[in-house]
PDB file of all heavy atoms in Angstrom:
ATOM      1  N   SER A   1     184.577 165.465 112.283  1.00  0.00           N
ATOM      2  CA  SER A   1     184.188 166.593 113.081  1.00  0.00           C
ATOM      3  C   SER A   1     184.488 166.347 114.593  1.00  0.00           C
ATOM      4  O   SER A   1     184.932 167.258 115.259  1.00  0.00           O
ATOM      5  CB  SER A   1     182.696 166.889 112.887  1.00  0.00           C
ATOM      6  OG  SER A   1     181.891 165.803 113.318  1.00  0.00           O
ATOM      7  N   VAL A   2     184.287 165.114 115.057  1.00  0.00           N
ATOM      8  CA  VAL A   2     184.616 164.813 116.431  1.00  0.00           C
ATOM      9  C   VAL A   2     186.152 164.888 116.651  1.00  0.00           C
ATOM     10  O   VAL A   2     186.593 165.414 117.670  1.00  0.00           O
ATOM     11  CB  VAL A   2     184.064 163.411 116.820  1.00  0.00           C
ATOM     12  CG1 VAL A   2     184.625 162.972 118.161  1.00  0.00           C
ATOM     13  CG2 VAL A   2     182.557 163.456 116.853  1.00  0.00           C
ATOM     14  N   LEU A   3     186.888 164.439 115.692  1.00  0.00           N
ATOM     15  CA  LEU A   3     188.362 164.497 115.797  1.00  0.00           C
ATOM     16  C   LEU A   3     188.860 165.930 115.832  1.00  0.00           C
ATOM     17  O   LEU A   3     189.665 166.294 116.680  1.00  0.00           O
ATOM     18  CB  LEU A   3     188.983 163.732 114.627  1.00  0.00           C
ATOM     19  CG  LEU A   3     190.514 163.714 114.593  1.00  0.00           C
ATOM     20  CD1 LEU A   3     191.044 162.966 115.785  1.00  0.00           C
ATOM     21  CD2 LEU A   3     190.986 163.137 113.279  1.00  0.00           C
ATOM     22  N   LEU A   4     188.355 166.757 114.956  1.00  0.00           N
ATOM     23  CA  LEU A   4     188.766 168.160 114.941  1.00  0.00           C
ATOM     24  C   LEU A   4     188.319 168.886 116.195  1.00  0.00           C
ATOM     25  O   LEU A   4     189.045 169.761 116.721  1.00  0.00           O
ATOM     26  CB  LEU A   4     188.206 168.840 113.687  1.00  0.00           C
ATOM     27  CG  LEU A   4     188.875 168.435 112.384  1.00  0.00           C
ATOM     28  CD1 LEU A   4     188.170 169.077 111.211  1.00  0.00           C
ATOM     29  CD2 LEU A   4     190.348 168.773 112.375  1.00  0.00           C
ATOM     30  N   LEU A   5     187.136 168.606 116.696  1.00  0.00           N
ATOM     31  CA  LEU A   5     186.660 169.216 117.919  1.00  0.00           C
ATOM     32  C   LEU A   5     187.561 168.814 119.092  1.00  0.00           C
ATOM     33  O   LEU A   5     187.894 169.652 119.927  1.00  0.00           O
ATOM     34  CB  LEU A   5     185.208 168.816 118.172  1.00  0.00           C
ATOM     35  CG  LEU A   5     184.582 169.441 119.439  1.00  0.00           C
ATOM     36  CD1 LEU A   5     184.513 170.935 119.282  1.00  0.00           C
ATOM     37  CD2 LEU A   5     183.217 168.848 119.654  1.00  0.00           C
ATOM     38  N   SER A   6     187.903 167.532 119.170  1.00  0.00           N
ATOM     39  CA  SER A   6     188.716 167.086 120.292  1.00  0.00           C
ATOM     40  C   SER A   6     190.131 167.690 120.222  1.00  0.00           C
ATOM     41  O   SER A   6     190.736 168.028 121.249  1.00  0.00           O
ATOM     42  CB  SER A   6     188.809 165.562 120.324  1.00  0.00           C
ATOM     43  OG  SER A   6     189.473 165.094 119.178  1.00  0.00           O
ATOM     44  N   LEU A   7     190.656 167.887 119.017  1.00  0.00           N
ATOM     45  CA  LEU A   7     191.962 168.541 118.873  1.00  0.00           C
ATOM     46  C   LEU A   7     191.920 170.004 119.297  1.00  0.00           C
ATOM     47  O   LEU A   7     192.880 170.550 119.813  1.00  0.00           O
ATOM     48  CB  LEU A   7     192.492 168.392 117.419  1.00  0.00           C
ATOM     49  CG  LEU A   7     192.936 167.016 117.050  1.00  0.00           C
ATOM     50  CD1 LEU A   7     193.315 167.012 115.559  1.00  0.00           C
ATOM     51  CD2 LEU A   7     194.102 166.548 117.889  1.00  0.00           C
ATOM     52  N   ALA A   8     190.789 170.639 119.057  1.00  0.00           N
ATOM     53  CA  ALA A   8     190.634 172.057 119.411  1.00  0.00           C
ATOM     54  C   ALA A   8     190.486 172.212 120.909  1.00  0.00           C
ATOM     55  O   ALA A   8     190.920 173.215 121.498  1.00  0.00           O
ATOM     56  CB  ALA A   8     189.454 172.654 118.674  1.00  0.00           C
ATOM     57  N   ILE A   9     189.878 171.245 121.574  1.00  0.00           N
ATOM     58  CA  ILE A   9     189.601 171.351 123.023  1.00  0.00           C
ATOM     59  C   ILE A   9     190.798 171.006 123.843  1.00  0.00           C
ATOM     60  O   ILE A   9     191.088 171.643 124.873  1.00  0.00           O
ATOM     61  CB  ILE A   9     188.395 170.448 123.416  1.00  0.00           C
ATOM     62  CG1 ILE A   9     187.104 171.034 122.767  1.00  0.00           C
ATOM     63  CG2 ILE A   9     188.283 170.372 124.905  1.00  0.00           C
ATOM     64  CD1 ILE A   9     185.911 170.150 122.985  1.00  0.00           C
ATOM     65  N   ILE A  10     191.598 170.034 123.427  1.00  0.00           N
ATOM     66  CA  ILE A  10     192.769 169.575 124.203  1.00  0.00           C
ATOM     67  C   ILE A  10     193.816 170.668 124.240  1.00  0.00           C
ATOM     68  O   ILE A  10     194.256 171.143 123.157  1.00  0.00           O
ATOM     69  CB  ILE A  10     193.349 168.291 123.607  1.00  0.00           C
ATOM     70  CG1 ILE A  10     192.320 167.178 123.692  1.00  0.00           C
ATOM     71  CG2 ILE A  10     194.623 167.894 124.331  1.00  0.00           C
ATOM     72  CD1 ILE A  10     192.731 165.909 122.980  1.00  0.00           C
ATOM     73  N   PRO A  11     194.223 171.127 125.413  1.00  0.00           N
ATOM     74  CA  PRO A  11     195.248 172.189 125.481  1.00  0.00           C
ATOM     75  C   PRO A  11     196.637 171.656 125.030  1.00  0.00           C
ATOM     76  O   PRO A  11     196.951 170.517 125.265  1.00  0.00           O
ATOM     77  CB  PRO A  11     195.270 172.580 126.961  1.00  0.00           C
ATOM     78  CG  PRO A  11     194.783 171.368 127.659  1.00  0.00           C
ATOM     79  CD  PRO A  11     193.803 170.700 126.739  1.00  0.00           C
ATOM     80  N   LYS A  12     197.369 172.538 124.416  1.00  0.00           N
ATOM     81  CA  LYS A  12     198.710 172.165 124.013  1.00  0.00           C
ATOM     82  C   LYS A  12     199.648 172.230 125.173  1.00  0.00           C
ATOM     83  O   LYS A  12     199.643 173.186 125.947  1.00  0.00           O
ATOM     84  CB  LYS A  12     199.178 173.110 122.894  1.00  0.00           C
ATOM     85  CG  LYS A  12     198.389 172.959 121.639  1.00  0.00           C
ATOM     86  CD  LYS A  12     199.003 173.809 120.534  1.00  0.00           C
ATOM     87  CE  LYS A  12     198.449 173.463 119.228  1.00  0.00           C
ATOM     88  NZ  LYS A  12     197.158 173.882 118.876  1.00  0.00           N
ATOM     89  N   GLY A  13     200.480 171.213 125.343  1.00  0.00           N
ATOM     90  CA  GLY A  13     201.441 171.174 126.438  1.00  0.00           C
ATOM     91  C   GLY A  13     202.680 171.948 126.087  1.00  0.00           C
ATOM     92  O   GLY A  13     202.977 172.209 124.942  1.00  0.00           O
ATOM     93  N   ARG A  14     203.422 172.303 127.125  1.00  0.00           N
ATOM     94  CA  ARG A  14     204.694 172.986 126.883  1.00  0.00           C
ATOM     95  C   ARG A  14     205.753 171.922 126.651  1.00  0.00           C
ATOM     96  O   ARG A  14     206.025 171.087 127.504  1.00  0.00           O
ATOM     97  CB  ARG A  14     205.057 173.817 128.116  1.00  0.00           C
ATOM     98  CG  ARG A  14     204.069 174.882 128.416  1.00  0.00           C
ATOM     99  CD  ARG A  14     204.546 175.692 129.569  1.00  0.00           C
ATOM    100  NE  ARG A  14     205.074 176.938 129.079  1.00  0.00           N
ATOM    101  CZ  ARG A  14     205.699 177.805 129.795  1.00  0.00           C
ATOM    102  NH1 ARG A  14     205.909 177.581 131.065  1.00  0.00           N
ATOM    103  NH2 ARG A  14     206.179 178.925 129.292  1.00  0.00           N
ATOM    104  N   THR A  15     206.306 171.921 125.472  1.00  0.00           N
ATOM    105  CA  THR A  15     207.343 170.950 125.145  1.00  0.00           C
ATOM    106  C   THR A  15     208.682 171.578 125.216  1.00  0.00           C
ATOM    107  O   THR A  15     208.867 172.762 125.145  1.00  0.00           O
ATOM    108  CB  THR A  15     207.078 170.379 123.737  1.00  0.00           C
ATOM    109  OG1 THR A  15     207.161 171.467 122.804  1.00  0.00           O
ATOM    110  CG2 THR A  15     205.754 169.672 123.587  1.00  0.00           C
ATOM    111  N   GLY A  16     209.665 170.707 125.377  1.00  0.00           N
ATOM    112  CA  GLY A  16     211.056 171.207 125.401  1.00  0.00           C
ATOM    113  C   GLY A  16     211.570 171.693 126.753  1.00  0.00           C
ATOM    114  O   GLY A  16     212.654 172.196 126.834  1.00  0.00           O
ATOM    115  N   LEU A  17     210.778 171.546 127.784  1.00  0.00           N
ATOM    116  CA  LEU A  17     211.247 171.963 129.089  1.00  0.00           C
ATOM    117  C   LEU A  17     211.817 170.784 129.840  1.00  0.00           C
ATOM    118  O   LEU A  17     211.248 169.714 129.820  1.00  0.00           O
ATOM    119  CB  LEU A  17     210.105 172.563 129.920  1.00  0.00           C
ATOM    120  CG  LEU A  17     209.522 173.857 129.442  1.00  0.00           C
ATOM    121  CD1 LEU A  17     208.331 174.262 130.352  1.00  0.00           C
ATOM    122  CD2 LEU A  17     210.582 174.977 129.500  1.00  0.00           C
ATOM    123  N   ILE A  18     212.955 171.009 130.504  1.00  0.00           N
ATOM    124  CA  ILE A  18     213.510 169.953 131.337  1.00  0.00           C
ATOM    125  C   ILE A  18     212.709 169.863 132.653  1.00  0.00           C
ATOM    126  O   ILE A  18     212.052 170.844 133.012  1.00  0.00           O
ATOM    127  CB  ILE A  18     215.017 170.170 131.589  1.00  0.00           C
ATOM    128  CG1 ILE A  18     215.274 171.485 132.278  1.00  0.00           C
ATOM    129  CG2 ILE A  18     215.778 170.091 130.275  1.00  0.00           C
ATOM    130  CD1 ILE A  18     216.714 171.705 132.642  1.00  0.00           C
ATOM    131  N   PRO A  19     212.788 168.778 133.384  1.00  0.00           N
ATOM    132  CA  PRO A  19     211.967 168.594 134.580  1.00  0.00           C
ATOM    133  C   PRO A  19     212.137 169.725 135.629  1.00  0.00           C
ATOM    134  O   PRO A  19     211.177 170.119 136.247  1.00  0.00           O
ATOM    135  CB  PRO A  19     212.424 167.277 135.141  1.00  0.00           C
ATOM    136  CG  PRO A  19     212.873 166.495 133.958  1.00  0.00           C
ATOM    137  CD  PRO A  19     213.506 167.533 133.046  1.00  0.00           C
ATOM    138  N   GLY A  20     213.320 170.242 135.799  1.00  0.00           N
ATOM    139  CA  GLY A  20     213.544 171.343 136.774  1.00  0.00           C
ATOM    140  C   GLY A  20     212.812 172.603 136.355  1.00  0.00           C
ATOM    141  O   GLY A  20     212.279 173.291 137.202  1.00  0.00           O
ATOM    142  N   GLN A  21     212.789 172.862 135.069  1.00  0.00           N
ATOM    143  CA  GLN A  21     212.085 174.059 134.598  1.00  0.00           C
ATOM    144  C   GLN A  21     210.591 173.879 134.708  1.00  0.00           C
ATOM    145  O   GLN A  21     209.825 174.817 135.013  1.00  0.00           O
ATOM    146  CB  GLN A  21     212.469 174.383 133.163  1.00  0.00           C
ATOM    147  CG  GLN A  21     213.894 174.878 132.995  1.00  0.00           C
ATOM    148  CD  GLN A  21     214.262 175.062 131.554  1.00  0.00           C
ATOM    149  OE1 GLN A  21     213.682 174.461 130.656  1.00  0.00           O
ATOM    150  NE2 GLN A  21     215.247 175.858 131.317  1.00  0.00           N
ATOM    151  N   LYS A  22     210.093 172.667 134.468  1.00  0.00           N
ATOM    152  CA  LYS A  22     208.659 172.389 134.609  1.00  0.00           C
ATOM    153  C   LYS A  22     208.234 172.633 136.050  1.00  0.00           C
ATOM    154  O   LYS A  22     207.205 173.236 136.328  1.00  0.00           O
ATOM    155  CB  LYS A  22     208.353 170.977 134.198  1.00  0.00           C
ATOM    156  CG  LYS A  22     208.343 170.732 132.724  1.00  0.00           C
ATOM    157  CD  LYS A  22     207.961 169.296 132.433  1.00  0.00           C
ATOM    158  CE  LYS A  22     208.088 168.983 130.962  1.00  0.00           C
ATOM    159  NZ  LYS A  22     207.793 167.576 130.711  1.00  0.00           N
ATOM    160  N   GLN A  23     209.033 172.112 136.993  1.00  0.00           N
ATOM    161  CA  GLN A  23     208.673 172.293 138.422  1.00  0.00           C
ATOM    162  C   GLN A  23     208.703 173.761 138.768  1.00  0.00           C
ATOM    163  O   GLN A  23     207.847 174.261 139.504  1.00  0.00           O
ATOM    164  CB  GLN A  23     209.637 171.491 139.277  1.00  0.00           C
ATOM    165  CG  GLN A  23     209.312 171.656 140.771  1.00  0.00           C
ATOM    166  CD  GLN A  23     210.275 170.908 141.623  1.00  0.00           C
ATOM    167  OE1 GLN A  23     211.297 170.418 141.158  1.00  0.00           O
ATOM    168  NE2 GLN A  23     209.947 170.777 142.892  1.00  0.00           N
ATOM    169  N   CYS A  24     209.693 174.470 138.274  1.00  0.00           N
ATOM    170  CA  CYS A  24     209.797 175.902 138.543  1.00  0.00           C
ATOM    171  C   CYS A  24     208.587 176.663 138.004  1.00  0.00           C
ATOM    172  O   CYS A  24     208.042 177.540 138.670  1.00  0.00           O
ATOM    173  CB  CYS A  24     211.101 176.460 137.953  1.00  0.00           C
ATOM    174  SG  CYS A  24     211.491 178.099 138.436  1.00  0.00           S
ATOM    175  N   ASN A  25     208.151 176.311 136.803  1.00  0.00           N
ATOM    176  CA  ASN A  25     206.971 176.992 136.243  1.00  0.00           C
ATOM    177  C   ASN A  25     205.727 176.670 137.033  1.00  0.00           C
ATOM    178  O   ASN A  25     204.871 177.529 137.218  1.00  0.00           O
ATOM    179  CB  ASN A  25     206.778 176.563 134.752  1.00  0.00           C
ATOM    180  CG  ASN A  25     207.791 177.229 133.868  1.00  0.00           C
ATOM    181  OD1 ASN A  25     208.366 178.224 134.210  1.00  0.00           O
ATOM    182  ND2 ASN A  25     207.976 176.605 132.725  1.00  0.00           N
ATOM    183  N   ARG A  26     205.600 175.440 137.494  1.00  0.00           N
ATOM    184  CA  ARG A  26     204.405 175.085 138.312  1.00  0.00           C
ATOM    185  C   ARG A  26     204.370 175.841 139.616  1.00  0.00           C
ATOM    186  O   ARG A  26     203.303 176.115 140.160  1.00  0.00           O
ATOM    187  CB  ARG A  26     204.415 173.580 138.596  1.00  0.00           C
ATOM    188  CG  ARG A  26     203.971 172.752 137.411  1.00  0.00           C
ATOM    189  CD  ARG A  26     203.782 171.323 137.783  1.00  0.00           C
ATOM    190  NE  ARG A  26     203.891 170.496 136.590  1.00  0.00           N
ATOM    191  CZ  ARG A  26     204.781 169.517 136.444  1.00  0.00           C
ATOM    192  NH1 ARG A  26     205.609 169.225 137.391  1.00  0.00           N
ATOM    193  NH2 ARG A  26     204.812 168.854 135.305  1.00  0.00           N
ATOM    194  N   LEU A  27     205.548 176.147 140.179  1.00  0.00           N
ATOM    195  CA  LEU A  27     205.638 176.850 141.456  1.00  0.00           C
ATOM    196  C   LEU A  27     205.650 178.351 141.283  1.00  0.00           C
ATOM    197  O   LEU A  27     205.922 179.093 142.219  1.00  0.00           O
ATOM    198  CB  LEU A  27     206.868 176.413 142.214  1.00  0.00           C
ATOM    199  CG  LEU A  27     206.909 174.956 142.676  1.00  0.00           C
ATOM    200  CD1 LEU A  27     208.270 174.623 143.255  1.00  0.00           C
ATOM    201  CD2 LEU A  27     205.783 174.671 143.664  1.00  0.00           C
ATOM    202  N   LYS A  28     205.338 178.856 140.095  1.00  0.00           N
ATOM    203  CA  LYS A  28     205.300 180.283 139.754  1.00  0.00           C
ATOM    204  C   LYS A  28     206.649 180.926 139.940  1.00  0.00           C
ATOM    205  O   LYS A  28     206.753 182.079 140.373  1.00  0.00           O
ATOM    206  CB  LYS A  28     204.254 181.003 140.609  1.00  0.00           C
ATOM    207  CG  LYS A  28     202.885 180.434 140.624  1.00  0.00           C
ATOM    208  CD  LYS A  28     202.141 180.729 139.334  1.00  0.00           C
ATOM    209  CE  LYS A  28     200.716 180.337 139.473  1.00  0.00           C
ATOM    210  NZ  LYS A  28     200.307 179.322 138.572  1.00  0.00           N
ATOM    211  N   GLY A  29     207.702 180.191 139.579  1.00  0.00           N
ATOM    212  CA  GLY A  29     209.053 180.746 139.703  1.00  0.00           C
ATOM    213  C   GLY A  29     209.655 181.078 138.328  1.00  0.00           C
ATOM    214  O   GLY A  29     209.030 180.844 137.284  1.00  0.00           O
ATOM    215  N   VAL A  30     210.893 181.613 138.354  1.00  0.00           N
ATOM    216  CA  VAL A  30     211.591 181.966 137.154  1.00  0.00           C
ATOM    217  C   VAL A  30     213.019 181.370 137.262  1.00  0.00           C
ATOM    218  O   VAL A  30     213.664 181.505 138.289  1.00  0.00           O
ATOM    219  CB  VAL A  30     211.714 183.481 137.020  1.00  0.00           C
ATOM    220  CG1 VAL A  30     212.491 183.904 135.806  1.00  0.00           C
ATOM    221  CG2 VAL A  30     210.314 184.089 136.972  1.00  0.00           C
ATOM    222  N   CYS A  31     213.496 180.752 136.168  1.00  0.00           N
ATOM    223  CA  CYS A  31     214.870 180.255 136.158  1.00  0.00           C
ATOM    224  C   CYS A  31     215.829 181.400 135.848  1.00  0.00           C
ATOM    225  O   CYS A  31     215.642 182.064 134.846  1.00  0.00           O
ATOM    226  CB  CYS A  31     214.980 179.164 135.081  1.00  0.00           C
ATOM    227  SG  CYS A  31     214.077 177.664 135.502  1.00  0.00           S
ATOM    228  N   LYS A  32     216.800 181.608 136.716  1.00  0.00           N
ATOM    229  CA  LYS A  32     217.745 182.715 136.534  1.00  0.00           C
ATOM    230  C   LYS A  32     219.200 182.215 136.610  1.00  0.00           C
ATOM    231  O   LYS A  32     219.510 181.309 137.354  1.00  0.00           O
ATOM    232  CB  LYS A  32     217.563 183.752 137.636  1.00  0.00           C
ATOM    233  CG  LYS A  32     216.250 184.514 137.538  1.00  0.00           C
ATOM    234  CD  LYS A  32     216.265 185.661 138.500  1.00  0.00           C
ATOM    235  CE  LYS A  32     215.121 186.572 138.265  1.00  0.00           C
ATOM    236  NZ  LYS A  32     215.182 187.726 139.118  1.00  0.00           N
ATOM    237  N   ASP A  33     220.023 182.858 135.821  1.00  0.00           N
ATOM    238  CA  ASP A  33     221.483 182.583 135.883  1.00  0.00           C
ATOM    239  C   ASP A  33     222.015 183.151 137.204  1.00  0.00           C
ATOM    240  O   ASP A  33     221.551 184.152 137.655  1.00  0.00           O
ATOM    241  CB  ASP A  33     222.210 183.194 134.710  1.00  0.00           C
ATOM    242  CG  ASP A  33     221.936 182.484 133.402  1.00  0.00           C
ATOM    243  OD1 ASP A  33     221.723 181.248 133.460  1.00  0.00           O
ATOM    244  OD2 ASP A  33     221.920 183.145 132.366  1.00  0.00           O
ATOM    245  N   GLY A  34     222.995 182.518 137.747  1.00  0.00           N
ATOM    246  CA  GLY A  34     223.613 183.038 138.970  1.00  0.00           C
ATOM    247  C   GLY A  34     222.806 182.700 140.163  1.00  0.00           C
ATOM    248  O   GLY A  34     222.797 181.569 140.642  1.00  0.00           O
ATOM    249  N   GLY A  35     222.128 183.698 140.730  1.00  0.00           N
ATOM    250  CA  GLY A  35     221.367 183.456 141.915  1.00  0.00           C
ATOM    251  C   GLY A  35     220.152 184.364 141.997  1.00  0.00           C
ATOM    252  O   GLY A  35     219.823 185.090 141.030  1.00  0.00           O
ATOM    253  N   CYS A  36     219.490 184.314 143.109  1.00  0.00           N
ATOM    254  CA  CYS A  36     218.285 185.102 143.309  1.00  0.00           C
ATOM    255  C   CYS A  36     218.610 186.459 143.915  1.00  0.00           C
ATOM    256  O   CYS A  36     219.630 186.607 144.594  1.00  0.00           O
ATOM    257  CB  CYS A  36     217.318 184.351 144.233  1.00  0.00           C
ATOM    258  SG  CYS A  36     216.910 182.712 143.639  1.00  0.00           S
ATOM    259  N   THR A  37     217.756 187.428 143.708  1.00  0.00           N
ATOM    260  CA  THR A  37     217.970 188.766 144.289  1.00  0.00           C
ATOM    261  C   THR A  37     217.474 188.748 145.749  1.00  0.00           C
ATOM    262  O   THR A  37     217.023 187.728 146.241  1.00  0.00           O
ATOM    263  CB  THR A  37     217.190 189.836 143.504  1.00  0.00           C
ATOM    264  OG1 THR A  37     215.800 189.531 143.558  1.00  0.00           O
ATOM    265  CG2 THR A  37     217.647 189.875 142.044  1.00  0.00           C
ATOM    266  N   THR A  38     217.619 189.893 146.428  1.00  0.00           N
ATOM    267  CA  THR A  38     217.270 189.925 147.837  1.00  0.00           C
ATOM    268  C   THR A  38     215.731 189.831 148.078  1.00  0.00           C
ATOM    269  O   THR A  38     215.348 189.462 149.157  1.00  0.00           O
ATOM    270  CB  THR A  38     217.762 191.263 148.443  1.00  0.00           C
ATOM    271  OG1 THR A  38     217.212 192.365 147.706  1.00  0.00           O
ATOM    272  CG2 THR A  38     219.238 191.300 148.433  1.00  0.00           C
TER     273      THR A  38
END
């Protein structure tokens, strides 16, 4: 019961993101092809 409770409480991390995308997500940004708009 303690094991199941701890698994339910621990948030799932985002896997599969490269470090640049992680930093972009933390800064509330979006990865875009090409460049940024005005």
